[in-house]
Amino acid sequence: MTAVVVRSARAEDQSALAVLWAEAFTPPLAPDQWLVDADRLAHTLVAEDGDGVCGSIYGLPKRLRESDGAVASVHAIGSVAVAERARGRGLARRLVSASLETGREADWALLFTGTPEVYRSSGFTSFAMSRTLVGPWSTASVVEAAAGAILRESVGLGSLGAVHDVYERSRSERLVLAPVRSDRDWTMAEVRMRGATLYRHIEDAAVVGYAIAEARGGVGLLHESAALPDAVDPVGVRRALLGAVAADWASAGVRSCDLATPALAEEEAAVHAFAPGAVRQHDRTGMTRPLRREPRLDGIRHFTAGDYF
């Protein structure tokens, strides 16, 4: 059996990593989001045996909001993959250990997984967050589309520049876990939500709120939304945005919805008319591990489709 070496990724590993991720993840993981990270090779470790790359792990530095308005330095782990030929030999644990060593100066580590048992032996513990509302929605909310000026465009590289301030101010000291997004985080969000519709609510030539949504297979997906907390009527801003989304979903024949909204009072008020029968779903895929200290995540936790890595 060939010995496995864990090392930093090199430029020539890129095609092998794309193949590994396509095979290891369902649905296949495309490298698009990884490619926009200029420091991706420094953030990636690979495992290599006599037949080539047989494992990977990606450790991305992030800044995440914590309780009491604090911001933590976090080592965010993703793209943990092991080729079938190398499984059953503790390689995933070895990759995690090596990645944690590279991120040891961070406050704590974070990952999201559907197989938490793989990571508990490495010191990770699970947490839950009320991330989405799922269920039927009401076409009656279409009438709200008349409130405010709503502009639409497709999400792509550079499209979210106008909403940075709304995102940050809507989450500051109100949510925990939500990132303080760097330029790289924003570019990754644009890649993750590429092709969805960005709805911007404009008042006095300024963006006071936005939503990112799409219809997929008869299901309406609200990926992200925000309104300025000091807007004259933040609930009204949200209702106007949801009304515009509703108009498009009604035309597309959307039957049910999956709304990624934090459990804030104004979010609940706006969503109630839009989807009165939708039920809160608890995401339990998140796991944390202390590095320099314990995470402080008491409060309303939220992560959007654009925040995953």
C-alpha atoms as a PDB file:
ATOM      1  CA  MET A   1       0.000   0.000   0.000  1.00  0.00           C
ATOM      2  CA  THR A   2       1.479   3.338  -1.085  1.00  0.00           C
ATOM      3  CA  ALA A   3       2.163   5.874   1.669  1.00  0.00           C
ATOM      4  CA  VAL A   4      -0.004   9.012   1.588  1.00  0.00           C
ATOM      5  CA  VAL A   5       1.633  12.431   1.816  1.00  0.00           C
ATOM      6  CA  VAL A   6      -0.321  15.519   2.901  1.00  0.00           C
ATOM      7  CA  ARG A   7       1.038  18.747   1.416  1.00  0.00           C
ATOM      8  CA  SER A   8       0.047  22.192   0.219  1.00  0.00           C
ATOM      9  CA  ALA A   9      -1.757  22.315  -3.121  1.00  0.00           C
ATOM     10  CA  ARG A  10       0.128  23.292  -6.245  1.00  0.00           C
ATOM     11  CA  ALA A  11      -1.099  24.825  -9.497  1.00  0.00           C
ATOM     12  CA  GLU A  12      -0.738  21.508 -11.313  1.00  0.00           C
ATOM     13  CA  ASP A  13      -3.204  19.899  -8.857  1.00  0.00           C
ATOM     14  CA  GLN A  14      -6.128  21.957 -10.140  1.00  0.00           C
ATOM     15  CA  SER A  15      -7.491  19.472 -12.686  1.00  0.00           C
ATOM     16  CA  ALA A  16      -7.071  16.536 -10.285  1.00  0.00           C
ATOM     17  CA  LEU A  17      -8.974  18.448  -7.592  1.00  0.00           C
ATOM     18  CA  ALA A  18     -11.842  19.156  -9.988  1.00  0.00           C
ATOM     19  CA  VAL A  19     -12.089  15.430 -10.768  1.00  0.00           C
ATOM     20  CA  LEU A  20     -11.913  14.492  -7.073  1.00  0.00           C
ATOM     21  CA  TRP A  21     -14.660  16.928  -6.080  1.00  0.00           C
ATOM     22  CA  ALA A  22     -16.911  15.842  -8.946  1.00  0.00           C
ATOM     23  CA  GLU A  23     -16.601  12.239  -7.776  1.00  0.00           C
ATOM     24  CA  ALA A  24     -16.752  12.819  -4.027  1.00  0.00           C
ATOM     25  CA  PHE A  25     -19.772  15.125  -3.735  1.00  0.00           C
ATOM     26  CA  THR A  26     -23.419  14.712  -4.704  1.00  0.00           C
ATOM     27  CA  PRO A  27     -24.348  16.894  -6.488  1.00  0.00           C
ATOM     28  CA  PRO A  28     -20.858  17.272  -7.972  1.00  0.00           C
ATOM     29  CA  LEU A  29     -18.883  20.192  -6.552  1.00  0.00           C
ATOM     30  CA  ALA A  30     -17.641  22.540  -9.265  1.00  0.00           C
ATOM     31  CA  PRO A  31     -14.413  24.442  -8.534  1.00  0.00           C
ATOM     32  CA  ASP A  32     -15.883  27.817  -9.596  1.00  0.00           C
ATOM     33  CA  GLN A  33     -16.046  29.301  -6.106  1.00  0.00           C
ATOM     34  CA  TRP A  34     -12.576  27.993  -5.218  1.00  0.00           C
ATOM     35  CA  LEU A  35     -11.123  29.531  -8.387  1.00  0.00           C
ATOM     36  CA  VAL A  36     -12.041  33.100  -7.395  1.00  0.00           C
ATOM     37  CA  ASP A  37      -9.881  32.826  -4.270  1.00  0.00           C
ATOM     38  CA  ALA A  38      -6.518  34.304  -5.317  1.00  0.00           C
ATOM     39  CA  ASP A  39      -4.903  32.508  -2.349  1.00  0.00           C
ATOM     40  CA  ARG A  40      -6.624  29.174  -2.973  1.00  0.00           C
ATOM     41  CA  LEU A  41      -3.417  27.126  -3.210  1.00  0.00           C
ATOM     42  CA  ALA A  42      -2.193  28.438   0.150  1.00  0.00           C
ATOM     43  CA  HIS A  43      -5.613  27.628   1.666  1.00  0.00           C
ATOM     44  CA  THR A  44      -5.772  24.093   0.246  1.00  0.00           C
ATOM     45  CA  LEU A  45      -4.080  20.900   1.393  1.00  0.00           C
ATOM     46  CA  VAL A  46      -4.052  17.753  -0.716  1.00  0.00           C
ATOM     47  CA  ALA A  47      -3.319  14.121   0.073  1.00  0.00           C
ATOM     48  CA  GLU A  48      -1.250  12.312  -2.535  1.00  0.00           C
ATOM     49  CA  ASP A  49      -0.458   8.620  -3.001  1.00  0.00           C
ATOM     50  CA  GLY A  50       1.316   6.746  -5.768  1.00  0.00           C
ATOM     51  CA  ASP A  51      -1.638   7.250  -8.096  1.00  0.00           C
ATOM     52  CA  GLY A  52      -1.898  11.009  -7.537  1.00  0.00           C
ATOM     53  CA  VAL A  53      -4.201  13.292  -5.559  1.00  0.00           C
ATOM     54  CA  CYS A  54      -6.503  11.226  -3.337  1.00  0.00           C
ATOM     55  CA  GLY A  55      -7.804  13.797  -0.851  1.00  0.00           C
ATOM     56  CA  SER A  56      -8.320  17.497  -0.217  1.00  0.00           C
ATOM     57  CA  ILE A  57      -9.326  20.054   2.367  1.00  0.00           C
ATOM     58  CA  TYR A  58      -9.889  23.811   2.055  1.00  0.00           C
ATOM     59  CA  GLY A  59      -9.298  26.126   5.029  1.00  0.00           C
ATOM     60  CA  LEU A  60     -10.541  29.666   4.448  1.00  0.00           C
ATOM     61  CA  PRO A  61     -10.025  32.546   6.895  1.00  0.00           C
ATOM     62  CA  LYS A  62     -13.278  34.348   7.697  1.00  0.00           C
ATOM     63  CA  ARG A  63     -14.537  36.969  10.118  1.00  0.00           C
ATOM     64  CA  LEU A  64     -17.823  35.968  11.733  1.00  0.00           C
ATOM     65  CA  ARG A  65     -20.125  37.865  14.064  1.00  0.00           C
ATOM     66  CA  GLU A  66     -20.485  36.616  17.626  1.00  0.00           C
ATOM     67  CA  SER A  67     -22.548  37.516  20.676  1.00  0.00           C
ATOM     68  CA  ASP A  68     -22.399  41.073  22.042  1.00  0.00           C
ATOM     69  CA  GLY A  69     -21.269  42.523  18.715  1.00  0.00           C
ATOM     70  CA  ALA A  70     -17.866  40.828  18.734  1.00  0.00           C
ATOM     71  CA  VAL A  71     -16.200  39.587  15.538  1.00  0.00           C
ATOM     72  CA  ALA A  72     -14.200  36.344  15.567  1.00  0.00           C
ATOM     73  CA  SER A  73     -11.339  35.213  13.365  1.00  0.00           C
ATOM     74  CA  VAL A  74     -12.517  31.821  12.083  1.00  0.00           C
ATOM     75  CA  HIS A  75     -10.869  28.957  10.207  1.00  0.00           C
ATOM     76  CA  ALA A  76     -13.655  27.799   7.859  1.00  0.00           C
ATOM     77  CA  ILE A  77     -13.170  24.256   6.574  1.00  0.00           C
ATOM     78  CA  GLY A  78     -14.712  22.937   3.356  1.00  0.00           C
ATOM     79  CA  SER A  79     -14.159  20.620   0.386  1.00  0.00           C
ATOM     80  CA  VAL A  80     -13.075  17.684   2.568  1.00  0.00           C
ATOM     81  CA  ALA A  81     -12.848  14.880   0.022  1.00  0.00           C
ATOM     82  CA  VAL A  82     -11.226  11.447  -0.048  1.00  0.00           C
ATOM     83  CA  ALA A  83     -11.012   9.314  -3.190  1.00  0.00           C
ATOM     84  CA  GLU A  84     -12.684   5.921  -2.935  1.00  0.00           C
ATOM     85  CA  ARG A  85      -9.358   4.094  -3.190  1.00  0.00           C
ATOM     86  CA  ALA A  86      -8.037   5.875  -0.090  1.00  0.00           C
ATOM     87  CA  ARG A  87     -11.058   5.552   2.208  1.00  0.00           C
ATOM     88  CA  GLY A  88     -11.072   3.668   5.484  1.00  0.00           C
ATOM     89  CA  ARG A  89      -7.543   4.726   6.420  1.00  0.00           C
ATOM     90  CA  GLY A  90      -8.283   7.772   8.591  1.00  0.00           C
ATOM     91  CA  LEU A  91      -7.300  10.191   5.853  1.00  0.00           C
ATOM     92  CA  ALA A  92     -10.181  12.630   6.445  1.00  0.00           C
ATOM     93  CA  ARG A  93      -9.151  12.937  10.099  1.00  0.00           C
ATOM     94  CA  ARG A  94      -5.545  13.467   9.058  1.00  0.00           C
ATOM     95  CA  LEU A  95      -6.517  16.209   6.604  1.00  0.00           C
ATOM     96  CA  VAL A  96      -8.653  17.933   9.238  1.00  0.00           C
ATOM     97  CA  SER A  97      -5.799  17.830  11.739  1.00  0.00           C
ATOM     98  CA  ALA A  98      -3.375  19.305   9.193  1.00  0.00           C
ATOM     99  CA  SER A  99      -5.836  22.072   8.248  1.00  0.00           C
ATOM    100  CA  LEU A 100      -6.465  22.967  11.896  1.00  0.00           C
ATOM    101  CA  GLU A 101      -2.729  23.339  12.339  1.00  0.00           C
ATOM    102  CA  THR A 102      -2.567  25.847   9.479  1.00  0.00           C
ATOM    103  CA  GLY A 103      -5.442  27.799  11.054  1.00  0.00           C
ATOM    104  CA  ARG A 104      -4.263  27.577  14.652  1.00  0.00           C
ATOM    105  CA  GLU A 105      -4.099  31.382  15.048  1.00  0.00           C
ATOM    106  CA  ALA A 106      -7.866  31.668  14.467  1.00  0.00           C
ATOM    107  CA  ASP A 107     -10.275  31.883  17.404  1.00  0.00           C
ATOM    108  CA  TRP A 108     -12.200  28.769  16.373  1.00  0.00           C
ATOM    109  CA  ALA A 109     -12.951  26.525  13.414  1.00  0.00           C
ATOM    110  CA  LEU A 110     -16.217  26.051  11.514  1.00  0.00           C
ATOM    111  CA  LEU A 111     -17.523  23.520   9.023  1.00  0.00           C
ATOM    112  CA  PHE A 112     -20.846  22.342   7.612  1.00  0.00           C
ATOM    113  CA  THR A 113     -21.464  18.659   6.955  1.00  0.00           C
ATOM    114  CA  GLY A 114     -24.126  16.028   6.484  1.00  0.00           C
ATOM    115  CA  THR A 115     -21.889  13.475   8.223  1.00  0.00           C
ATOM    116  CA  PRO A 116     -21.092  14.993  11.647  1.00  0.00           C
ATOM    117  CA  GLU A 117     -19.830  11.694  13.059  1.00  0.00           C
ATOM    118  CA  VAL A 118     -16.758  12.014  10.839  1.00  0.00           C
ATOM    119  CA  TYR A 119     -15.642  15.175  12.665  1.00  0.00           C
ATOM    120  CA  ARG A 120     -16.542  14.556  16.314  1.00  0.00           C
ATOM    121  CA  SER A 121     -13.317  12.620  16.899  1.00  0.00           C
ATOM    122  CA  SER A 122     -11.452  15.778  15.785  1.00  0.00           C
ATOM    123  CA  GLY A 123     -13.090  17.822  18.543  1.00  0.00           C
ATOM    124  CA  PHE A 124     -16.006  19.347  16.586  1.00  0.00           C
ATOM    125  CA  THR A 125     -19.452  19.747  18.136  1.00  0.00           C
ATOM    126  CA  SER A 126     -22.726  20.435  16.325  1.00  0.00           C
ATOM    127  CA  PHE A 127     -24.955  23.491  16.595  1.00  0.00           C
ATOM    128  CA  ALA A 128     -28.360  24.337  15.125  1.00  0.00           C
ATOM    129  CA  MET A 129     -29.839  27.459  13.550  1.00  0.00           C
ATOM    130  CA  SER A 130     -33.328  28.368  12.360  1.00  0.00           C
ATOM    131  CA  ARG A 131     -32.215  29.205   8.841  1.00  0.00           C
ATOM    132  CA  THR A 132     -35.256  28.713   6.587  1.00  0.00           C
ATOM    133  CA  LEU A 133     -39.044  28.781   6.403  1.00  0.00           C
ATOM    134  CA  VAL A 134     -40.472  26.065   4.164  1.00  0.00           C
ATOM    135  CA  GLY A 135     -44.006  25.502   2.906  1.00  0.00           C
ATOM    136  CA  PRO A 136     -46.783  27.018   0.757  1.00  0.00           C
ATOM    137  CA  TRP A 137     -46.859  30.689  -0.122  1.00  0.00           C
ATOM    138  CA  SER A 138     -49.698  33.076  -0.928  1.00  0.00           C
ATOM    139  CA  THR A 139     -50.265  34.837  -4.241  1.00  0.00           C
ATOM    140  CA  ALA A 140     -52.119  37.511  -2.239  1.00  0.00           C
ATOM    141  CA  SER A 141     -48.707  39.010  -1.453  1.00  0.00           C
ATOM    142  CA  VAL A 142     -48.327  40.037  -5.113  1.00  0.00           C
ATOM    143  CA  VAL A 143     -50.216  43.256  -4.301  1.00  0.00           C
ATOM    144  CA  GLU A 144     -47.249  44.431  -2.227  1.00  0.00           C
ATOM    145  CA  ALA A 145     -45.147  44.760  -5.399  1.00  0.00           C
ATOM    146  CA  ALA A 146     -46.526  48.264  -5.958  1.00  0.00           C
ATOM    147  CA  ALA A 147     -44.798  49.597  -2.810  1.00  0.00           C
ATOM    148  CA  GLY A 148     -41.437  51.243  -3.484  1.00  0.00           C
ATOM    149  CA  ALA A 149     -39.244  51.128  -6.574  1.00  0.00           C
ATOM    150  CA  ILE A 150     -37.898  47.630  -7.253  1.00  0.00           C
ATOM    151  CA  LEU A 151     -35.073  47.055  -9.736  1.00  0.00           C
ATOM    152  CA  ARG A 152     -34.221  43.592 -11.031  1.00  0.00           C
ATOM    153  CA  GLU A 153     -31.003  42.156 -12.430  1.00  0.00           C
ATOM    154  CA  SER A 154     -29.309  38.775 -12.677  1.00  0.00           C
ATOM    155  CA  VAL A 155     -26.654  37.958 -10.084  1.00  0.00           C
ATOM    156  CA  GLY A 156     -23.159  37.726 -11.559  1.00  0.00           C
ATOM    157  CA  LEU A 157     -19.660  38.921 -10.845  1.00  0.00           C
ATOM    158  CA  GLY A 158     -19.774  42.513  -9.625  1.00  0.00           C
ATOM    159  CA  SER A 159     -23.559  42.652  -9.307  1.00  0.00           C
ATOM    160  CA  LEU A 160     -23.758  42.818  -5.503  1.00  0.00           C
ATOM    161  CA  GLY A 161     -21.601  45.908  -5.001  1.00  0.00           C
ATOM    162  CA  ALA A 162     -24.613  48.154  -4.395  1.00  0.00           C
ATOM    163  CA  VAL A 163     -25.955  46.026  -1.522  1.00  0.00           C
ATOM    164  CA  HIS A 164     -22.813  45.609   0.607  1.00  0.00           C
ATOM    165  CA  ASP A 165     -23.829  48.297   3.092  1.00  0.00           C
ATOM    166  CA  VAL A 166     -27.363  46.948   3.493  1.00  0.00           C
ATOM    167  CA  TYR A 167     -26.070  43.439   4.192  1.00  0.00           C
ATOM    168  CA  GLU A 168     -23.545  44.562   6.806  1.00  0.00           C
ATOM    169  CA  ARG A 169     -25.835  47.003   8.625  1.00  0.00           C
ATOM    170  CA  SER A 170     -28.743  44.570   8.678  1.00  0.00           C
ATOM    171  CA  ARG A 171     -26.613  41.970  10.467  1.00  0.00           C
ATOM    172  CA  SER A 172     -24.348  44.042  12.713  1.00  0.00           C
ATOM    173  CA  GLU A 173     -25.104  43.404  16.411  1.00  0.00           C
ATOM    174  CA  ARG A 174     -28.348  41.630  15.455  1.00  0.00           C
ATOM    175  CA  LEU A 175     -27.219  38.243  14.170  1.00  0.00           C
ATOM    176  CA  VAL A 176     -24.434  35.860  15.091  1.00  0.00           C
ATOM    177  CA  LEU A 177     -22.472  33.572  12.758  1.00  0.00           C
ATOM    178  CA  ALA A 178     -23.193  35.881   9.787  1.00  0.00           C
ATOM    179  CA  PRO A 179     -19.872  36.887   8.167  1.00  0.00           C
ATOM    180  CA  VAL A 180     -18.362  40.323   7.967  1.00  0.00           C
ATOM    181  CA  ARG A 181     -17.814  39.843   4.252  1.00  0.00           C
ATOM    182  CA  SER A 182     -14.451  40.587   2.690  1.00  0.00           C
ATOM    183  CA  ASP A 183     -14.136  41.351  -1.032  1.00  0.00           C
ATOM    184  CA  ARG A 184     -13.369  37.646  -1.544  1.00  0.00           C
ATOM    185  CA  ASP A 185     -16.501  36.663   0.397  1.00  0.00           C
ATOM    186  CA  TRP A 186     -18.630  38.921  -1.800  1.00  0.00           C
ATOM    187  CA  THR A 187     -17.146  37.463  -4.985  1.00  0.00           C
ATOM    188  CA  MET A 188     -17.771  33.947  -3.690  1.00  0.00           C
ATOM    189  CA  ALA A 189     -21.364  34.906  -2.880  1.00  0.00           C
ATOM    190  CA  GLU A 190     -21.819  36.142  -6.452  1.00  0.00           C
ATOM    191  CA  VAL A 191     -20.511  32.811  -7.760  1.00  0.00           C
ATOM    192  CA  ARG A 192     -22.714  30.755  -5.424  1.00  0.00           C
ATOM    193  CA  MET A 193     -25.890  32.675  -6.305  1.00  0.00           C
ATOM    194  CA  ARG A 194     -25.042  33.320  -9.955  1.00  0.00           C
ATOM    195  CA  GLY A 195     -28.100  33.420 -12.225  1.00  0.00           C
ATOM    196  CA  ALA A 196     -30.601  34.167  -9.450  1.00  0.00           C
ATOM    197  CA  THR A 197     -32.504  37.460  -9.549  1.00  0.00           C
ATOM    198  CA  LEU A 198     -31.342  40.383  -7.433  1.00  0.00           C
ATOM    199  CA  TYR A 199     -34.213  42.662  -6.370  1.00  0.00           C
ATOM    200  CA  ARG A 200     -33.124  46.096  -5.114  1.00  0.00           C
ATOM    201  CA  HIS A 201     -35.544  48.385  -3.267  1.00  0.00           C
ATOM    202  CA  ILE A 202     -34.688  52.022  -4.071  1.00  0.00           C
ATOM    203  CA  GLU A 203     -35.739  55.087  -2.080  1.00  0.00           C
ATOM    204  CA  ASP A 204     -34.324  58.564  -2.801  1.00  0.00           C
ATOM    205  CA  ALA A 205     -31.772  57.004  -5.167  1.00  0.00           C
ATOM    206  CA  ALA A 206     -30.382  54.759  -2.398  1.00  0.00           C
ATOM    207  CA  VAL A 207     -30.708  50.998  -1.838  1.00  0.00           C
ATOM    208  CA  VAL A 208     -32.668  50.404   1.377  1.00  0.00           C
ATOM    209  CA  GLY A 209     -33.200  46.671   0.943  1.00  0.00           C
ATOM    210  CA  TYR A 210     -32.662  43.755  -1.384  1.00  0.00           C
ATOM    211  CA  ALA A 211     -33.571  40.126  -1.993  1.00  0.00           C
ATOM    212  CA  ILE A 212     -31.975  37.358  -4.046  1.00  0.00           C
ATOM    213  CA  ALA A 213     -34.356  34.686  -5.257  1.00  0.00           C
ATOM    214  CA  GLU A 214     -35.070  32.187  -8.011  1.00  0.00           C
ATOM    215  CA  ALA A 215     -37.633  29.573  -9.063  1.00  0.00           C
ATOM    216  CA  ARG A 216     -36.355  26.040  -9.441  1.00  0.00           C
ATOM    217  CA  GLY A 217     -38.559  23.071 -10.316  1.00  0.00           C
ATOM    218  CA  GLY A 218     -41.764  24.582  -8.972  1.00  0.00           C
ATOM    219  CA  VAL A 219     -40.076  25.688  -5.726  1.00  0.00           C
ATOM    220  CA  GLY A 220     -39.320  29.321  -4.976  1.00  0.00           C
ATOM    221  CA  LEU A 221     -35.957  29.854  -3.288  1.00  0.00           C
ATOM    222  CA  LEU A 222     -35.185  33.026  -1.362  1.00  0.00           C
ATOM    223  CA  HIS A 223     -31.410  32.832  -0.957  1.00  0.00           C
ATOM    224  CA  GLU A 224     -30.800  36.088   0.901  1.00  0.00           C
ATOM    225  CA  SER A 225     -32.566  39.289   1.882  1.00  0.00           C
ATOM    226  CA  ALA A 226     -31.874  42.359   3.976  1.00  0.00           C
ATOM    227  CA  ALA A 227     -33.261  45.790   4.779  1.00  0.00           C
ATOM    228  CA  LEU A 228     -31.634  48.737   6.497  1.00  0.00           C
ATOM    229  CA  PRO A 229     -32.679  48.525  10.164  1.00  0.00           C
ATOM    230  CA  ASP A 230     -33.010  52.323  10.330  1.00  0.00           C
ATOM    231  CA  ALA A 231     -35.191  52.587   7.203  1.00  0.00           C
ATOM    232  CA  VAL A 232     -38.449  54.504   7.676  1.00  0.00           C
ATOM    233  CA  ASP A 233     -40.417  51.260   7.344  1.00  0.00           C
ATOM    234  CA  PRO A 234     -38.108  48.204   7.243  1.00  0.00           C
ATOM    235  CA  VAL A 235     -41.043  45.779   7.363  1.00  0.00           C
ATOM    236  CA  GLY A 236     -42.617  47.613   4.423  1.00  0.00           C
ATOM    237  CA  VAL A 237     -39.325  47.385   2.507  1.00  0.00           C
ATOM    238  CA  ARG A 238     -39.270  43.631   3.030  1.00  0.00           C
ATOM    239  CA  ARG A 239     -42.907  43.278   2.019  1.00  0.00           C
ATOM    240  CA  ALA A 240     -42.317  45.259  -1.175  1.00  0.00           C
ATOM    241  CA  LEU A 241     -39.344  43.042  -2.053  1.00  0.00           C
ATOM    242  CA  LEU A 242     -41.317  39.865  -1.337  1.00  0.00           C
ATOM    243  CA  GLY A 243     -44.172  41.263  -3.421  1.00  0.00           C
ATOM    244  CA  ALA A 244     -41.867  41.631  -6.405  1.00  0.00           C
ATOM    245  CA  VAL A 245     -40.578  38.112  -5.853  1.00  0.00           C
ATOM    246  CA  ALA A 246     -44.170  36.871  -5.592  1.00  0.00           C
ATOM    247  CA  ALA A 247     -45.123  38.447  -8.922  1.00  0.00           C
ATOM    248  CA  ASP A 248     -42.302  36.586 -10.643  1.00  0.00           C
ATOM    249  CA  TRP A 249     -43.029  33.308  -8.851  1.00  0.00           C
ATOM    250  CA  ALA A 250     -46.711  33.511  -9.744  1.00  0.00           C
ATOM    251  CA  SER A 251     -45.760  33.819 -13.426  1.00  0.00           C
ATOM    252  CA  ALA A 252     -43.330  30.893 -13.076  1.00  0.00           C
ATOM    253  CA  GLY A 253     -45.911  28.599 -11.486  1.00  0.00           C
ATOM    254  CA  VAL A 254     -44.115  28.294  -8.152  1.00  0.00           C
ATOM    255  CA  ARG A 255     -46.106  26.148  -5.709  1.00  0.00           C
ATOM    256  CA  SER A 256     -44.017  26.126  -2.536  1.00  0.00           C
ATOM    257  CA  CYS A 257     -41.175  28.142  -1.087  1.00  0.00           C
ATOM    258  CA  ASP A 258     -37.928  27.782   0.806  1.00  0.00           C
ATOM    259  CA  LEU A 259     -37.101  31.121   2.429  1.00  0.00           C
ATOM    260  CA  ALA A 260     -33.687  31.727   4.001  1.00  0.00           C
ATOM    261  CA  THR A 261     -34.633  34.365   6.567  1.00  0.00           C
ATOM    262  CA  PRO A 262     -33.270  34.905  10.083  1.00  0.00           C
ATOM    263  CA  ALA A 263     -35.708  34.665  12.981  1.00  0.00           C
ATOM    264  CA  LEU A 264     -35.839  38.434  13.544  1.00  0.00           C
ATOM    265  CA  ALA A 265     -39.193  39.993  14.481  1.00  0.00           C
ATOM    266  CA  GLU A 266     -39.363  42.197  11.371  1.00  0.00           C
ATOM    267  CA  GLU A 267     -38.459  39.265   9.123  1.00  0.00           C
ATOM    268  CA  GLU A 268     -41.242  37.171  10.635  1.00  0.00           C
ATOM    269  CA  ALA A 269     -43.743  40.024  10.222  1.00  0.00           C
ATOM    270  CA  ALA A 270     -42.909  40.478   6.545  1.00  0.00           C
ATOM    271  CA  VAL A 271     -42.895  36.779   5.741  1.00  0.00           C
ATOM    272  CA  HIS A 272     -46.166  36.015   7.543  1.00  0.00           C
ATOM    273  CA  ALA A 273     -48.330  37.544   4.792  1.00  0.00           C
ATOM    274  CA  PHE A 274     -46.140  36.035   2.089  1.00  0.00           C
ATOM    275  CA  ALA A 275     -46.077  32.462   3.388  1.00  0.00           C
ATOM    276  CA  PRO A 276     -48.400  32.110   6.414  1.00  0.00           C
ATOM    277  CA  GLY A 277     -48.200  28.312   6.286  1.00  0.00           C
ATOM    278  CA  ALA A 278     -44.412  28.057   6.067  1.00  0.00           C
ATOM    279  CA  VAL A 279     -42.676  26.293   8.966  1.00  0.00           C
ATOM    280  CA  ARG A 280     -39.272  27.017  10.488  1.00  0.00           C
ATOM    281  CA  GLN A 281     -36.619  24.455   9.629  1.00  0.00           C
ATOM    282  CA  HIS A 282     -33.591  23.863  11.841  1.00  0.00           C
ATOM    283  CA  ASP A 283     -30.260  23.455  10.079  1.00  0.00           C
ATOM    284  CA  ARG A 284     -28.071  21.121  12.156  1.00  0.00           C
ATOM    285  CA  THR A 285     -25.197  20.733   9.704  1.00  0.00           C
ATOM    286  CA  GLY A 286     -22.921  23.284  11.398  1.00  0.00           C
ATOM    287  CA  MET A 287     -20.011  22.235  13.635  1.00  0.00           C
ATOM    288  CA  THR A 288     -17.441  24.278  15.556  1.00  0.00           C
ATOM    289  CA  ARG A 289     -14.175  23.519  17.337  1.00  0.00           C
ATOM    290  CA  PRO A 290     -12.249  25.819  19.684  1.00  0.00           C
ATOM    291  CA  LEU A 291      -8.759  26.820  18.594  1.00  0.00           C
ATOM    292  CA  ARG A 292      -7.625  29.762  20.704  1.00  0.00           C
ATOM    293  CA  ARG A 293     -10.994  29.933  22.503  1.00  0.00           C
ATOM    294  CA  GLU A 294     -14.594  28.756  22.533  1.00  0.00           C
ATOM    295  CA  PRO A 295     -17.064  30.197  19.992  1.00  0.00           C
ATOM    296  CA  ARG A 296     -19.637  32.653  21.362  1.00  0.00           C
ATOM    297  CA  LEU A 297     -22.782  32.051  19.343  1.00  0.00           C
ATOM    298  CA  ASP A 298     -25.640  32.825  21.730  1.00  0.00           C
ATOM    299  CA  GLY A 299     -28.352  34.654  19.827  1.00  0.00           C
ATOM    300  CA  ILE A 300     -30.070  34.469  16.440  1.00  0.00           C
ATOM    301  CA  ARG A 301     -27.777  32.499  14.137  1.00  0.00           C
ATOM    302  CA  HIS A 302     -27.941  32.838  10.384  1.00  0.00           C
ATOM    303  CA  PHE A 303     -25.957  31.840   7.315  1.00  0.00           C
ATOM    304  CA  THR A 304     -27.148  32.422   3.751  1.00  0.00           C
ATOM    305  CA  ALA A 305     -26.577  30.556   0.503  1.00  0.00           C
ATOM    306  CA  GLY A 306     -23.929  33.131  -0.325  1.00  0.00           C
ATOM    307  CA  ASP A 307     -21.997  32.511   2.889  1.00  0.00           C
ATOM    308  CA  TYR A 308     -21.169  28.821   2.488  1.00  0.00           C
ATOM    309  CA  PHE A 309     -17.684  27.848   1.377  1.00  0.00           C
END
